[in-house]
């Protein structure tokens, strides 16, 4: 009976540790994504240009693809649209007015970017 109790206790501790690692990893990934979105928006609003990581072609395209490695305007605009969708649903704004201002600025920048070339 003692061996069974030790096995159950060890299993519970192991399961608890696995859950803790999963939660820690998930929280860290979510925090990283949110930070990336806010840093990208800060760069866009300050400079009016896409962040450097948006212009650099993905590694898999540079290595494995025969297609041109350059990022197209369409891809940059898609990333800006993703950013706008994130801010439409984001709960990190102190009030709705701030969110509307951010989205209005991003919309203005989107219109300007539609006329320019980033490649």
Protein backbone atom coordinates (compact mmCIF):
# COMPACT_ATOMS: atom_id res chain seq x y z
CA UNK A 1 0.00 0.00 0.00
CA UNK A 2 2.87 2.39 0.71
CA UNK A 3 4.26 1.96 -2.80
CA UNK A 4 0.87 2.82 -4.27
CA UNK A 5 0.64 5.99 -2.14
CA UNK A 6 4.15 7.05 -3.19
CA UNK A 7 3.28 6.40 -6.84
CA UNK A 8 0.08 8.46 -6.60
CA UNK A 9 1.92 11.30 -4.84
CA UNK A 10 4.72 11.27 -7.42
CA UNK A 11 2.15 11.25 -10.24
CA UNK A 12 0.30 14.22 -8.75
CA UNK A 13 3.54 16.17 -8.31
CA UNK A 14 4.55 15.33 -11.88
CA UNK A 15 1.17 16.39 -13.25
CA UNK A 16 1.31 19.62 -11.24
CA UNK A 17 4.77 20.42 -12.61
CA UNK A 18 3.65 19.72 -16.19
CA UNK A 19 0.66 22.04 -15.79
CA UNK A 20 2.90 24.75 -14.32
CA UNK A 21 5.33 24.50 -17.25
CA UNK A 22 2.46 24.65 -19.75
CA UNK A 23 0.98 27.73 -18.07
CA UNK A 24 4.37 29.45 -17.83
CA UNK A 25 5.11 28.77 -21.51
CA UNK A 26 1.67 29.97 -22.62
CA UNK A 27 1.91 33.17 -20.58
CA UNK A 28 5.36 33.89 -21.90
CA UNK A 29 4.27 33.36 -25.52
CA UNK A 30 1.22 35.59 -25.06
CA UNK A 31 3.31 38.31 -23.44
CA UNK A 32 5.81 38.11 -26.29
CA UNK A 33 3.08 38.45 -28.92
CA UNK A 34 1.47 41.43 -27.18
CA UNK A 35 4.86 43.10 -26.80
CA UNK A 36 5.59 42.54 -30.50
CA UNK A 37 2.29 44.12 -31.53
CA UNK A 38 2.77 47.18 -29.33
CA UNK A 39 6.40 47.66 -30.41
CA UNK A 40 5.37 47.41 -34.07
CA UNK A 41 2.59 49.96 -33.59
CA UNK A 42 4.94 52.30 -31.74
CA UNK A 43 7.48 52.11 -34.56
CA UNK A 44 4.81 52.64 -37.23
CA UNK A 45 3.25 55.64 -35.49
CA UNK A 46 6.63 57.28 -34.76
CA UNK A 47 8.28 56.78 -38.15
CA UNK A 48 5.39 56.16 -40.53
CA UNK A 49 7.27 53.16 -41.91
CA UNK A 50 6.94 49.41 -41.40
CA UNK A 51 9.12 47.86 -38.70
CA UNK A 52 12.39 46.39 -40.05
CA UNK A 53 11.28 42.84 -39.24
CA UNK A 54 8.25 43.30 -41.51
CA UNK A 55 10.49 44.22 -44.46
CA UNK A 56 12.97 41.37 -44.00
CA UNK A 57 11.86 38.24 -45.87
CA UNK A 58 11.17 35.16 -43.75
CA UNK A 59 14.08 32.78 -43.32
CA UNK A 60 12.25 29.86 -44.95
CA UNK A 61 11.67 31.97 -48.08
CA UNK A 62 15.34 32.97 -48.27
CA UNK A 63 16.56 29.40 -47.91
CA UNK A 64 14.00 27.04 -49.42
CA UNK A 65 12.06 29.02 -52.00
CA UNK A 66 12.93 29.82 -55.57
CA UNK A 67 10.53 32.78 -55.41
CA UNK A 68 12.02 36.23 -54.89
CA UNK A 69 12.96 36.79 -51.28
CA UNK A 70 11.66 40.37 -51.17
CA UNK A 71 8.55 41.10 -49.15
CA UNK A 72 5.69 42.50 -51.22
CA UNK A 73 3.53 45.51 -50.40
CA UNK A 74 0.58 43.15 -50.09
CA UNK A 75 2.34 41.22 -47.31
CA UNK A 76 3.21 44.41 -45.44
CA UNK A 77 -0.40 45.62 -45.72
CA UNK A 78 -1.65 42.22 -44.49
CA UNK A 79 0.55 42.55 -41.41
CA UNK A 80 -0.83 46.05 -40.83
CA UNK A 81 -4.35 44.64 -41.13
CA UNK A 82 -3.48 41.94 -38.58
CA UNK A 83 -2.16 44.64 -36.27
CA UNK A 84 -5.37 46.65 -36.65
CA UNK A 85 -7.51 43.57 -35.94
CA UNK A 86 -5.46 42.91 -32.80
CA UNK A 87 -6.08 46.44 -31.54
CA UNK A 88 -9.80 46.18 -32.33
CA UNK A 89 -10.06 43.26 -29.88
CA UNK A 90 -7.28 44.21 -27.44
CA UNK A 91 -8.29 44.96 -23.85
CA UNK A 92 -5.12 46.85 -22.92
CA UNK A 93 -6.47 50.34 -23.59
CA UNK A 94 -7.51 52.59 -20.75
CA UNK A 95 -10.63 53.74 -22.62
CA UNK A 96 -12.41 53.37 -25.94
CA UNK A 97 -11.32 56.81 -27.16
CA UNK A 98 -7.65 55.75 -27.02
CA UNK A 99 -8.42 52.62 -29.04
CA UNK A 100 -10.30 54.65 -31.66
CA UNK A 101 -7.40 57.10 -31.97
CA UNK A 102 -4.90 54.27 -32.47
CA UNK A 103 -7.10 52.63 -35.10
CA UNK A 104 -7.66 55.95 -36.88
CA UNK A 105 -3.91 56.57 -37.05
CA UNK A 106 -3.29 53.06 -38.36
CA UNK A 107 -6.02 53.56 -40.96
CA UNK A 108 -4.39 56.78 -42.16
CA UNK A 109 -1.04 55.03 -42.42
CA UNK A 110 -2.64 52.12 -44.32
CA UNK A 111 -4.00 54.55 -46.92
CA UNK A 112 -0.54 56.11 -47.33
CA UNK A 113 1.16 52.71 -47.55
CA UNK A 114 -1.23 51.57 -50.27
CA UNK A 115 0.36 54.19 -52.52
CA UNK A 116 3.99 53.41 -51.66
CA UNK A 117 6.49 50.63 -52.36
CA UNK A 118 8.48 48.89 -49.60
CA UNK A 119 10.32 46.26 -51.60
